[in-house]
Amino acid sequence: MFELIRPDMNVDFVGKRSIWAGISVVGFLVTIALFFSKGVNYGIDFTGGAEMQVKVPATWEISKVRESLEKGGVKDSKVQQIGEAGEHQYLVRVQGTEKELQSVSSKVSEIFTSVATAEKADGFEVLRTSVVGPAAGESLKESGLLSMIYALLCILVYVTVRFDSRYSPGAVIALFHDTVITFGILILLQVPFDLQILAALLALIGYSNNDTIIVYDRVRETLQNHPKFTIEQAVNRAINETLGRTILTSLSTFLSVLALYLFGGKVIEGFALTLMVGIIVGTYSSIFIASSIVIAITKYQEKRELHAKIHGRPSASKA
């Protein structure tokens, strides 16, 4: 039987938990700095605007596309090449008021058609058009934030019922950690944040929580089978015993999402990239963050119980 990790392996993961915590804190601070310095590159789903995917004549470069829009009166547009260079396809994003957006797509089409006709160049085609009003964008932004908060609250309740109060904070903090760090990387890369990215973050919350639950199950089982183990020993053994499964699961999922990123086209590129980053961050947090928080909370409860016992006050029993 194939074994990626030897069953007798005993790496001291928890012994260096302060280092992992420091790395995560740095990641949080960098994300906050990026949020206020570079800002989130919101897509039209959240800001409101028009987005057109167009195919232009083979002789046109991206500078020609931008110049045509400027001369045609479409100001502050964003043009991005997509696909292979030989496909000559571009995304044109334009922001404006609700009234302006109703006519902007036809205006862009008229501009390119006019320029192509004047140059006697064939090949212009509008492949896709998407229009979202500013009010709808703000509503979607608020709904997206609430959906992530509700997901984290539901997981908090689930883990509390499934395990006990020592485990639930670690699971939720680890998921929050995964979302924030992944969000920071998206800001750094200036990936357009749209509904697909939001869906990827919600999928990441579920995926990462599953990996954390596996580790928690093994911690609880180890404590039941070895009642004399300290919480550090139990967590360390649990991580070592589940490490092979964690690596294989994360690697297979990562390769599947990588295939989507490479061959799925521009439409799902952002979704796949978010999941790839999230899988790496989520695997890290399941091993180093969630387990460290369980240790911290358990040791805190043990100190409280010892203090209550010394002073003759009853302590709250663990679930």
C-alpha atoms as a PDB file:
ATOM      1  CA  MET A   1       0.000   0.000   0.000  1.00  0.00           C
ATOM      2  CA  PHE A   2       1.337   3.418  -1.022  1.00  0.00           C
ATOM      3  CA  GLU A   3       2.236   5.691   1.894  1.00  0.00           C
ATOM      4  CA  LEU A   4       3.296   9.274   1.304  1.00  0.00           C
ATOM      5  CA  ILE A   5       4.199   9.827   4.963  1.00  0.00           C
ATOM      6  CA  ARG A   6       5.672   7.156   7.237  1.00  0.00           C
ATOM      7  CA  PRO A   7       3.249   6.183  10.033  1.00  0.00           C
ATOM      8  CA  ASP A   8       5.971   6.611  12.675  1.00  0.00           C
ATOM      9  CA  MET A   9       6.912  10.145  11.595  1.00  0.00           C
ATOM     10  CA  ASN A  10       6.944  12.639  14.483  1.00  0.00           C
ATOM     11  CA  VAL A  11       7.671  16.179  13.310  1.00  0.00           C
ATOM     12  CA  ASP A  12       7.294  18.766  16.068  1.00  0.00           C
ATOM     13  CA  PHE A  13       4.762  21.046  14.367  1.00  0.00           C
ATOM     14  CA  VAL A  14       3.301  22.556  17.534  1.00  0.00           C
ATOM     15  CA  GLY A  15       6.716  23.311  19.025  1.00  0.00           C
ATOM     16  CA  LYS A  16       7.164  26.113  16.487  1.00  0.00           C
ATOM     17  CA  ARG A  17       3.604  27.420  16.620  1.00  0.00           C
ATOM     18  CA  SER A  18       4.776  30.896  17.647  1.00  0.00           C
ATOM     19  CA  ILE A  19       6.655  31.140  14.332  1.00  0.00           C
ATOM     20  CA  TRP A  20       3.562  30.148  12.327  1.00  0.00           C
ATOM     21  CA  ALA A  21       1.459  32.627  14.300  1.00  0.00           C
ATOM     22  CA  GLY A  22       3.996  35.364  13.526  1.00  0.00           C
ATOM     23  CA  ILE A  23       3.852  34.564   9.800  1.00  0.00           C
ATOM     24  CA  SER A  24       0.053  34.808   9.852  1.00  0.00           C
ATOM     25  CA  VAL A  25       0.101  38.110  11.742  1.00  0.00           C
ATOM     26  CA  VAL A  26       2.499  39.521   9.149  1.00  0.00           C
ATOM     27  CA  GLY A  27       0.124  38.298   6.436  1.00  0.00           C
ATOM     28  CA  PHE A  28      -2.794  40.084   8.129  1.00  0.00           C
ATOM     29  CA  LEU A  29      -0.840  43.338   8.417  1.00  0.00           C
ATOM     30  CA  VAL A  30       0.310  43.175   4.790  1.00  0.00           C
ATOM     31  CA  THR A  31      -3.284  42.597   3.660  1.00  0.00           C
ATOM     32  CA  ILE A  32      -4.474  45.636   5.625  1.00  0.00           C
ATOM     33  CA  ALA A  33      -1.646  47.739   4.162  1.00  0.00           C
ATOM     34  CA  LEU A  34      -2.503  46.590   0.625  1.00  0.00           C
ATOM     35  CA  PHE A  35      -6.199  47.302   1.194  1.00  0.00           C
ATOM     36  CA  PHE A  36      -5.523  50.943   2.046  1.00  0.00           C
ATOM     37  CA  SER A  37      -2.649  51.475  -0.395  1.00  0.00           C
ATOM     38  CA  LYS A  38      -3.543  49.601  -3.596  1.00  0.00           C
ATOM     39  CA  GLY A  39      -7.236  49.036  -2.861  1.00  0.00           C
ATOM     40  CA  VAL A  40      -9.550  46.319  -4.120  1.00  0.00           C
ATOM     41  CA  ASN A  41      -9.930  46.043  -7.881  1.00  0.00           C
ATOM     42  CA  TYR A  42     -13.718  45.673  -7.799  1.00  0.00           C
ATOM     43  CA  GLY A  43     -15.315  44.335 -10.953  1.00  0.00           C
ATOM     44  CA  ILE A  44     -18.473  45.780 -12.430  1.00  0.00           C
ATOM     45  CA  ASP A  45     -20.528  43.281 -10.401  1.00  0.00           C
ATOM     46  CA  PHE A  46     -19.816  45.443  -7.337  1.00  0.00           C
ATOM     47  CA  THR A  47     -19.078  48.909  -8.722  1.00  0.00           C
ATOM     48  CA  GLY A  48     -21.618  48.991 -11.506  1.00  0.00           C
ATOM     49  CA  GLY A  49     -20.643  49.430 -15.127  1.00  0.00           C
ATOM     50  CA  ALA A  50     -20.599  47.844 -18.541  1.00  0.00           C
ATOM     51  CA  GLU A  51     -18.234  45.105 -19.660  1.00  0.00           C
ATOM     52  CA  MET A  52     -17.860  44.043 -23.268  1.00  0.00           C
ATOM     53  CA  GLN A  53     -15.779  41.241 -24.709  1.00  0.00           C
ATOM     54  CA  VAL A  54     -14.871  42.150 -28.268  1.00  0.00           C
ATOM     55  CA  LYS A  55     -12.879  40.643 -31.097  1.00  0.00           C
ATOM     56  CA  VAL A  56     -11.028  43.223 -33.185  1.00  0.00           C
ATOM     57  CA  PRO A  57      -9.203  43.127 -36.550  1.00  0.00           C
ATOM     58  CA  ALA A  58      -5.860  41.327 -36.520  1.00  0.00           C
ATOM     59  CA  THR A  59      -3.941  44.519 -37.254  1.00  0.00           C
ATOM     60  CA  TRP A  60      -5.170  46.271 -34.078  1.00  0.00           C
ATOM     61  CA  GLU A  61      -3.023  46.449 -30.967  1.00  0.00           C
ATOM     62  CA  ILE A  62      -4.295  47.287 -27.472  1.00  0.00           C
ATOM     63  CA  SER A  63      -3.111  50.888 -27.953  1.00  0.00           C
ATOM     64  CA  LYS A  64      -5.342  51.117 -31.028  1.00  0.00           C
ATOM     65  CA  VAL A  65      -8.333  49.886 -29.039  1.00  0.00           C
ATOM     66  CA  ARG A  66      -7.756  52.494 -26.314  1.00  0.00           C
ATOM     67  CA  GLU A  67      -7.149  55.278 -28.826  1.00  0.00           C
ATOM     68  CA  SER A  68     -10.384  54.470 -30.679  1.00  0.00           C
ATOM     69  CA  LEU A  69     -12.402  54.642 -27.449  1.00  0.00           C
ATOM     70  CA  GLU A  70     -10.814  57.964 -26.437  1.00  0.00           C
ATOM     71  CA  LYS A  71     -11.480  59.572 -29.807  1.00  0.00           C
ATOM     72  CA  GLY A  72     -15.032  58.230 -29.770  1.00  0.00           C
ATOM     73  CA  GLY A  73     -15.783  59.948 -26.468  1.00  0.00           C
ATOM     74  CA  VAL A  74     -15.670  56.944 -24.113  1.00  0.00           C
ATOM     75  CA  LYS A  75     -13.557  58.255 -21.242  1.00  0.00           C
ATOM     76  CA  ASP A  76     -11.942  56.372 -18.323  1.00  0.00           C
ATOM     77  CA  SER A  77     -12.413  52.971 -19.945  1.00  0.00           C
ATOM     78  CA  LYS A  78     -10.259  49.987 -19.004  1.00  0.00           C
ATOM     79  CA  VAL A  79      -9.045  47.672 -21.741  1.00  0.00           C
ATOM     80  CA  GLN A  80      -7.538  44.248 -21.044  1.00  0.00           C
ATOM     81  CA  GLN A  81      -6.322  41.662 -23.539  1.00  0.00           C
ATOM     82  CA  ILE A  82      -7.667  38.170 -22.917  1.00  0.00           C
ATOM     83  CA  GLY A  83      -6.897  34.773 -24.364  1.00  0.00           C
ATOM     84  CA  GLU A  84      -4.016  34.147 -26.742  1.00  0.00           C
ATOM     85  CA  ALA A  85      -2.504  37.073 -28.628  1.00  0.00           C
ATOM     86  CA  GLY A  86      -3.599  35.555 -31.945  1.00  0.00           C
ATOM     87  CA  GLU A  87      -7.262  35.636 -30.895  1.00  0.00           C
ATOM     88  CA  HIS A  88      -7.301  39.480 -30.772  1.00  0.00           C
ATOM     89  CA  GLN A  89      -9.886  39.592 -27.980  1.00  0.00           C
ATOM     90  CA  TYR A  90     -10.220  42.352 -25.381  1.00  0.00           C
ATOM     91  CA  LEU A  91     -12.341  43.192 -22.347  1.00  0.00           C
ATOM     92  CA  VAL A  92     -13.603  46.761 -22.333  1.00  0.00           C
ATOM     93  CA  ARG A  93     -14.896  48.019 -18.966  1.00  0.00           C
ATOM     94  CA  VAL A  94     -16.700  51.331 -18.635  1.00  0.00           C
ATOM     95  CA  GLN A  95     -18.199  52.879 -15.508  1.00  0.00           C
ATOM     96  CA  GLY A  96     -20.936  55.484 -15.419  1.00  0.00           C
ATOM     97  CA  THR A  97     -24.407  56.396 -14.214  1.00  0.00           C
ATOM     98  CA  GLU A  98     -27.383  54.096 -14.687  1.00  0.00           C
ATOM     99  CA  LYS A  99     -28.603  56.214 -17.606  1.00  0.00           C
ATOM    100  CA  GLU A 100     -25.201  56.231 -19.339  1.00  0.00           C
ATOM    101  CA  LEU A 101     -24.744  52.478 -19.000  1.00  0.00           C
ATOM    102  CA  GLN A 102     -27.919  51.792 -20.949  1.00  0.00           C
ATOM    103  CA  SER A 103     -26.314  53.175 -24.112  1.00  0.00           C
ATOM    104  CA  VAL A 104     -22.589  52.623 -23.531  1.00  0.00           C
ATOM    105  CA  SER A 105     -22.436  49.122 -25.022  1.00  0.00           C
ATOM    106  CA  SER A 106     -24.041  50.256 -28.274  1.00  0.00           C
ATOM    107  CA  LYS A 107     -21.769  53.297 -28.329  1.00  0.00           C
ATOM    108  CA  VAL A 108     -18.628  51.163 -27.989  1.00  0.00           C
ATOM    109  CA  SER A 109     -19.866  48.885 -30.743  1.00  0.00           C
ATOM    110  CA  GLU A 110     -20.548  51.870 -33.009  1.00  0.00           C
ATOM    111  CA  ILE A 111     -17.054  53.294 -32.381  1.00  0.00           C
ATOM    112  CA  PHE A 112     -15.239  50.075 -33.297  1.00  0.00           C
ATOM    113  CA  THR A 113     -17.501  49.412 -36.291  1.00  0.00           C
ATOM    114  CA  SER A 114     -16.886  52.927 -37.587  1.00  0.00           C
ATOM    115  CA  VAL A 115     -13.088  52.671 -37.224  1.00  0.00           C
ATOM    116  CA  ALA A 116     -12.994  49.201 -38.793  1.00  0.00           C
ATOM    117  CA  THR A 117     -15.142  50.368 -41.720  1.00  0.00           C
ATOM    118  CA  ALA A 118     -12.956  53.439 -42.284  1.00  0.00           C
ATOM    119  CA  GLU A 119      -9.838  51.268 -42.378  1.00  0.00           C
ATOM    120  CA  LYS A 120     -11.587  48.584 -44.449  1.00  0.00           C
ATOM    121  CA  ALA A 121     -10.598  46.056 -41.777  1.00  0.00           C
ATOM    122  CA  ASP A 122     -12.677  42.970 -41.142  1.00  0.00           C
ATOM    123  CA  GLY A 123     -12.954  40.960 -37.943  1.00  0.00           C
ATOM    124  CA  PHE A 124     -14.741  43.165 -35.414  1.00  0.00           C
ATOM    125  CA  GLU A 125     -17.333  41.320 -33.326  1.00  0.00           C
ATOM    126  CA  VAL A 126     -19.047  41.813 -29.951  1.00  0.00           C
ATOM    127  CA  LEU A 127     -18.804  38.465 -28.143  1.00  0.00           C
ATOM    128  CA  ARG A 128     -20.376  39.302 -24.782  1.00  0.00           C
ATOM    129  CA  THR A 129     -21.965  42.259 -23.003  1.00  0.00           C
ATOM    130  CA  SER A 130     -22.702  42.645 -19.273  1.00  0.00           C
ATOM    131  CA  VAL A 131     -24.251  45.713 -17.627  1.00  0.00           C
ATOM    132  CA  VAL A 132     -24.768  46.255 -13.861  1.00  0.00           C
ATOM    133  CA  GLY A 133     -26.171  49.458 -12.361  1.00  0.00           C
ATOM    134  CA  PRO A 134     -24.273  51.207  -9.514  1.00  0.00           C
ATOM    135  CA  ALA A 135     -27.124  50.624  -7.033  1.00  0.00           C
ATOM    136  CA  ALA A 136     -27.225  46.925  -7.857  1.00  0.00           C
ATOM    137  CA  GLY A 137     -23.435  46.760  -7.474  1.00  0.00           C
ATOM    138  CA  GLU A 138     -23.574  48.213  -3.960  1.00  0.00           C
ATOM    139  CA  SER A 139     -26.339  45.794  -3.022  1.00  0.00           C
ATOM    140  CA  LEU A 140     -24.307  42.847  -4.302  1.00  0.00           C
ATOM    141  CA  LYS A 141     -21.251  44.030  -2.348  1.00  0.00           C
ATOM    142  CA  GLU A 142     -23.249  44.152   0.879  1.00  0.00           C
ATOM    143  CA  SER A 143     -24.883  40.780   0.220  1.00  0.00           C
ATOM    144  CA  GLY A 144     -21.502  39.209  -0.515  1.00  0.00           C
ATOM    145  CA  LEU A 145     -20.028  40.398   2.784  1.00  0.00           C
ATOM    146  CA  LEU A 146     -23.067  39.171   4.712  1.00  0.00           C
ATOM    147  CA  SER A 147     -22.921  35.771   3.021  1.00  0.00           C
ATOM    148  CA  MET A 148     -19.352  35.222   4.241  1.00  0.00           C
ATOM    149  CA  ILE A 149     -20.257  36.342   7.772  1.00  0.00           C
ATOM    150  CA  TYR A 150     -23.259  33.983   7.852  1.00  0.00           C
ATOM    151  CA  ALA A 151     -21.113  31.114   6.565  1.00  0.00           C
ATOM    152  CA  LEU A 152     -18.564  31.649   9.356  1.00  0.00           C
ATOM    153  CA  LEU A 153     -21.322  31.842  12.005  1.00  0.00           C
ATOM    154  CA  CYS A 154     -22.908  28.601  10.773  1.00  0.00           C
ATOM    155  CA  ILE A 155     -19.541  26.853  10.900  1.00  0.00           C
ATOM    156  CA  LEU A 156     -18.998  28.193  14.441  1.00  0.00           C
ATOM    157  CA  VAL A 157     -22.296  26.602  15.521  1.00  0.00           C
ATOM    158  CA  TYR A 158     -21.558  23.359  13.682  1.00  0.00           C
ATOM    159  CA  VAL A 159     -18.090  22.876  15.177  1.00  0.00           C
ATOM    160  CA  THR A 160     -19.380  23.765  18.664  1.00  0.00           C
ATOM    161  CA  VAL A 161     -22.076  21.089  18.392  1.00  0.00           C
ATOM    162  CA  ARG A 162     -19.755  18.564  16.733  1.00  0.00           C
ATOM    163  CA  PHE A 163     -16.903  19.029  19.212  1.00  0.00           C
ATOM    164  CA  ASP A 164     -16.942  21.598  22.049  1.00  0.00           C
ATOM    165  CA  SER A 165     -16.102  25.193  22.820  1.00  0.00           C
ATOM    166  CA  ARG A 166     -12.353  24.544  22.735  1.00  0.00           C
ATOM    167  CA  TYR A 167     -12.430  23.707  19.021  1.00  0.00           C
ATOM    168  CA  SER A 168     -14.950  26.098  17.451  1.00  0.00           C
ATOM    169  CA  PRO A 169     -12.949  29.372  17.809  1.00  0.00           C
ATOM    170  CA  GLY A 170      -9.928  27.776  16.161  1.00  0.00           C
ATOM    171  CA  ALA A 171     -11.965  26.611  13.165  1.00  0.00           C
ATOM    172  CA  VAL A 172     -13.585  30.003  12.603  1.00  0.00           C
ATOM    173  CA  ILE A 173     -10.359  31.983  13.125  1.00  0.00           C
ATOM    174  CA  ALA A 174      -8.553  29.668  10.696  1.00  0.00           C
ATOM    175  CA  LEU A 175     -11.274  30.211   8.078  1.00  0.00           C
ATOM    176  CA  PHE A 176     -11.179  33.966   8.630  1.00  0.00           C
ATOM    177  CA  HIS A 177      -7.387  33.751   8.305  1.00  0.00           C
ATOM    178  CA  ASP A 178      -7.703  31.891   4.974  1.00  0.00           C
ATOM    179  CA  THR A 179     -10.178  34.411   3.584  1.00  0.00           C
ATOM    180  CA  VAL A 180      -8.145  37.465   4.603  1.00  0.00           C
ATOM    181  CA  ILE A 181      -4.783  36.156   3.357  1.00  0.00           C
ATOM    182  CA  THR A 182      -6.277  35.002   0.057  1.00  0.00           C
ATOM    183  CA  PHE A 183      -8.007  38.375  -0.270  1.00  0.00           C
ATOM    184  CA  GLY A 184      -4.663  40.099   0.308  1.00  0.00           C
ATOM    185  CA  ILE A 185      -3.003  38.117  -2.476  1.00  0.00           C
ATOM    186  CA  LEU A 186      -5.856  39.016  -4.834  1.00  0.00           C
ATOM    187  CA  ILE A 187      -5.348  42.697  -3.987  1.00  0.00           C
ATOM    188  CA  LEU A 188      -1.597  42.352  -4.577  1.00  0.00           C
ATOM    189  CA  LEU A 189      -2.216  40.806  -8.013  1.00  0.00           C
ATOM    190  CA  GLN A 190      -5.069  43.288  -8.681  1.00  0.00           C
ATOM    191  CA  VAL A 191      -7.395  40.482  -9.738  1.00  0.00           C
ATOM    192  CA  PRO A 192     -10.851  41.956 -10.543  1.00  0.00           C
ATOM    193  CA  PHE A 193     -13.075  41.127  -7.567  1.00  0.00           C
ATOM    194  CA  ASP A 194     -16.440  39.993  -8.930  1.00  0.00           C
ATOM    195  CA  LEU A 195     -19.146  37.456  -8.111  1.00  0.00           C
ATOM    196  CA  GLN A 196     -16.948  34.586  -9.311  1.00  0.00           C
ATOM    197  CA  ILE A 197     -14.230  35.522  -6.829  1.00  0.00           C
ATOM    198  CA  LEU A 198     -16.842  35.766  -4.075  1.00  0.00           C
ATOM    199  CA  ALA A 199     -18.109  32.288  -4.988  1.00  0.00           C
ATOM    200  CA  ALA A 200     -14.535  30.987  -4.857  1.00  0.00           C
ATOM    201  CA  LEU A 201     -14.026  32.445  -1.357  1.00  0.00           C
ATOM    202  CA  LEU A 202     -17.244  30.806  -0.133  1.00  0.00           C
ATOM    203  CA  ALA A 203     -16.140  27.486  -1.661  1.00  0.00           C
ATOM    204  CA  LEU A 204     -12.779  27.931   0.052  1.00  0.00           C
ATOM    205  CA  ILE A 205     -14.485  28.355   3.442  1.00  0.00           C
ATOM    206  CA  GLY A 206     -16.190  24.980   3.049  1.00  0.00           C
ATOM    207  CA  TYR A 207     -13.083  23.238   1.719  1.00  0.00           C
ATOM    208  CA  SER A 208     -10.742  24.529   4.397  1.00  0.00           C
ATOM    209  CA  ASN A 209     -13.204  23.717   7.180  1.00  0.00           C
ATOM    210  CA  ASN A 210     -13.365  20.086   6.034  1.00  0.00           C
ATOM    211  CA  ASP A 211      -9.593  19.719   6.373  1.00  0.00           C
ATOM    212  CA  THR A 212      -9.671  21.319   9.828  1.00  0.00           C
ATOM    213  CA  ILE A 213     -12.428  18.920  10.958  1.00  0.00           C
ATOM    214  CA  ILE A 214     -10.264  15.943   9.961  1.00  0.00           C
ATOM    215  CA  VAL A 215      -7.441  17.172  12.206  1.00  0.00           C
ATOM    216  CA  TYR A 216      -9.866  17.915  15.060  1.00  0.00           C
ATOM    217  CA  ASP A 217     -11.372  14.436  14.827  1.00  0.00           C
ATOM    218  CA  ARG A 218      -7.942  12.881  15.177  1.00  0.00           C
ATOM    219  CA  VAL A 219      -7.057  15.168  18.117  1.00  0.00           C
ATOM    220  CA  ARG A 220     -10.202  14.108  19.981  1.00  0.00           C
ATOM    221  CA  GLU A 221      -9.586  10.442  19.181  1.00  0.00           C
ATOM    222  CA  THR A 222      -5.967  10.689  20.375  1.00  0.00           C
ATOM    223  CA  LEU A 223      -7.026  12.284  23.677  1.00  0.00           C
ATOM    224  CA  GLN A 224      -9.574   9.519  24.239  1.00  0.00           C
ATOM    225  CA  ASN A 225      -7.074   6.740  23.484  1.00  0.00           C
ATOM    226  CA  HIS A 226      -4.207   8.375  25.399  1.00  0.00           C
ATOM    227  CA  PRO A 227      -5.715  10.249  28.367  1.00  0.00           C
ATOM    228  CA  LYS A 228      -2.258  10.969  29.804  1.00  0.00           C
ATOM    229  CA  PHE A 229      -1.203  12.912  26.706  1.00  0.00           C
ATOM    230  CA  THR A 230      -0.914  16.664  27.022  1.00  0.00           C
ATOM    231  CA  ILE A 231      -2.842  18.704  24.488  1.00  0.00           C
ATOM    232  CA  GLU A 232       0.432  19.514  22.702  1.00  0.00           C
ATOM    233  CA  GLN A 233       1.278  15.813  22.350  1.00  0.00           C
ATOM    234  CA  ALA A 234      -2.225  14.960  21.136  1.00  0.00           C
ATOM    235  CA  VAL A 235      -2.301  17.731  18.535  1.00  0.00           C
ATOM    236  CA  ASN A 236       1.183  16.941  17.293  1.00  0.00           C
ATOM    237  CA  ARG A 237       0.379  13.252  16.866  1.00  0.00           C
ATOM    238  CA  ALA A 238      -2.920  14.092  15.133  1.00  0.00           C
ATOM    239  CA  ILE A 239      -1.201  16.382  12.627  1.00  0.00           C
ATOM    240  CA  ASN A 240       1.497  13.801  11.872  1.00  0.00           C
ATOM    241  CA  GLU A 241      -1.050  11.021  11.411  1.00  0.00           C
ATOM    242  CA  THR A 242      -3.251  13.054   9.051  1.00  0.00           C
ATOM    243  CA  LEU A 243      -0.420  14.791   7.189  1.00  0.00           C
ATOM    244  CA  GLY A 244      -0.286  12.269   4.346  1.00  0.00           C
ATOM    245  CA  ARG A 245      -4.041  12.535   3.741  1.00  0.00           C
ATOM    246  CA  THR A 246      -3.900  16.327   3.939  1.00  0.00           C
ATOM    247  CA  ILE A 247      -1.095  16.580   1.370  1.00  0.00           C
ATOM    248  CA  LEU A 248      -2.690  14.118  -1.073  1.00  0.00           C
ATOM    249  CA  THR A 249      -6.124  15.745  -0.832  1.00  0.00           C
ATOM    250  CA  SER A 250      -4.772  19.265  -1.228  1.00  0.00           C
ATOM    251  CA  LEU A 251      -2.430  18.275  -4.063  1.00  0.00           C
ATOM    252  CA  SER A 252      -5.113  16.476  -6.069  1.00  0.00           C
ATOM    253  CA  THR A 253      -7.541  19.373  -5.602  1.00  0.00           C
ATOM    254  CA  PHE A 254      -4.858  21.902  -6.507  1.00  0.00           C
ATOM    255  CA  LEU A 255      -3.981  20.054  -9.730  1.00  0.00           C
ATOM    256  CA  SER A 256      -7.652  19.909 -10.733  1.00  0.00           C
ATOM    257  CA  VAL A 257      -8.080  23.643 -10.180  1.00  0.00           C
ATOM    258  CA  LEU A 258      -4.767  24.303 -11.967  1.00  0.00           C
ATOM    259  CA  ALA A 259      -6.189  22.547 -15.025  1.00  0.00           C
ATOM    260  CA  LEU A 260      -9.215  24.863 -14.869  1.00  0.00           C
ATOM    261  CA  TYR A 261      -6.905  27.870 -14.645  1.00  0.00           C
ATOM    262  CA  LEU A 262      -4.767  26.806 -17.597  1.00  0.00           C
ATOM    263  CA  PHE A 263      -7.445  25.475 -19.936  1.00  0.00           C
ATOM    264  CA  GLY A 264     -10.771  26.834 -18.668  1.00  0.00           C
ATOM    265  CA  GLY A 265     -10.518  30.184 -20.413  1.00  0.00           C
ATOM    266  CA  LYS A 266     -10.711  33.764 -19.210  1.00  0.00           C
ATOM    267  CA  VAL A 267     -14.239  33.406 -17.855  1.00  0.00           C
ATOM    268  CA  ILE A 268     -13.231  31.199 -14.901  1.00  0.00           C
ATOM    269  CA  GLU A 269      -9.584  32.246 -14.601  1.00  0.00           C
ATOM    270  CA  GLY A 270     -10.184  34.420 -11.517  1.00  0.00           C
ATOM    271  CA  PHE A 271     -12.289  31.719  -9.855  1.00  0.00           C
ATOM    272  CA  ALA A 272      -9.586  29.089 -10.394  1.00  0.00           C
ATOM    273  CA  LEU A 273      -6.755  31.386  -9.268  1.00  0.00           C
ATOM    274  CA  THR A 274      -8.601  32.204  -6.039  1.00  0.00           C
ATOM    275  CA  LEU A 275      -9.110  28.524  -5.275  1.00  0.00           C
ATOM    276  CA  MET A 276      -5.464  27.695  -6.001  1.00  0.00           C
ATOM    277  CA  VAL A 277      -4.266  30.351  -3.581  1.00  0.00           C
ATOM    278  CA  GLY A 278      -6.927  29.363  -1.040  1.00  0.00           C
ATOM    279  CA  ILE A 279      -6.008  25.671  -1.123  1.00  0.00           C
ATOM    280  CA  ILE A 280      -2.396  26.488  -0.232  1.00  0.00           C
ATOM    281  CA  VAL A 281      -3.376  28.948   2.513  1.00  0.00           C
ATOM    282  CA  GLY A 282      -6.128  26.640   3.824  1.00  0.00           C
ATOM    283  CA  THR A 283      -3.803  23.648   4.081  1.00  0.00           C
ATOM    284  CA  TYR A 284      -1.297  25.794   5.981  1.00  0.00           C
ATOM    285  CA  SER A 285      -3.930  27.055   8.422  1.00  0.00           C
ATOM    286  CA  SER A 286      -5.376  23.598   9.117  1.00  0.00           C
ATOM    287  CA  ILE A 287      -1.951  22.335  10.151  1.00  0.00           C
ATOM    288  CA  PHE A 288      -0.465  25.361  11.884  1.00  0.00           C
ATOM    289  CA  ILE A 289      -3.207  27.826  12.860  1.00  0.00           C
ATOM    290  CA  ALA A 290      -6.359  25.936  13.858  1.00  0.00           C
ATOM    291  CA  SER A 291      -4.416  23.394  15.924  1.00  0.00           C
ATOM    292  CA  SER A 292      -2.396  26.125  17.686  1.00  0.00           C
ATOM    293  CA  ILE A 293      -5.586  27.900  18.745  1.00  0.00           C
ATOM    294  CA  VAL A 294      -6.976  24.647  20.182  1.00  0.00           C
ATOM    295  CA  ILE A 295      -3.817  24.315  22.278  1.00  0.00           C
ATOM    296  CA  ALA A 296      -4.035  27.924  23.501  1.00  0.00           C
ATOM    297  CA  ILE A 297      -7.718  27.637  24.470  1.00  0.00           C
ATOM    298  CA  THR A 298      -7.256  24.245  26.165  1.00  0.00           C
ATOM    299  CA  LYS A 299      -4.314  25.489  28.235  1.00  0.00           C
ATOM    300  CA  TYR A 300      -6.316  28.588  29.202  1.00  0.00           C
ATOM    301  CA  GLN A 301      -9.227  26.441  30.362  1.00  0.00           C
ATOM    302  CA  GLU A 302      -6.889  24.169  32.311  1.00  0.00           C
ATOM    303  CA  LYS A 303      -5.411  27.185  34.106  1.00  0.00           C
ATOM    304  CA  ARG A 304      -8.881  28.433  34.991  1.00  0.00           C
ATOM    305  CA  GLU A 305      -9.898  25.030  36.325  1.00  0.00           C
ATOM    306  CA  LEU A 306      -6.706  24.778  38.385  1.00  0.00           C
ATOM    307  CA  HIS A 307      -7.238  28.287  39.739  1.00  0.00           C
ATOM    308  CA  ALA A 308     -10.862  27.464  40.629  1.00  0.00           C
ATOM    309  CA  LYS A 309      -9.798  24.208  42.316  1.00  0.00           C
ATOM    310  CA  ILE A 310      -7.150  25.940  44.429  1.00  0.00           C
ATOM    311  CA  HIS A 311      -9.577  28.617  45.558  1.00  0.00           C
ATOM    312  CA  GLY A 312     -12.394  26.156  46.185  1.00  0.00           C
ATOM    313  CA  ARG A 313     -14.762  27.386  43.462  1.00  0.00           C
ATOM    314  CA  PRO A 314     -16.484  24.996  41.105  1.00  0.00           C
ATOM    315  CA  SER A 315     -15.216  25.138  37.532  1.00  0.00           C
ATOM    316  CA  ALA A 316     -17.177  24.765  34.345  1.00  0.00           C
ATOM    317  CA  SER A 317     -16.930  21.240  33.073  1.00  0.00           C
ATOM    318  CA  LYS A 318     -15.667  20.661  29.570  1.00  0.00           C
ATOM    319  CA  ALA A 319     -18.151  19.404  27.041  1.00  0.00           C
END
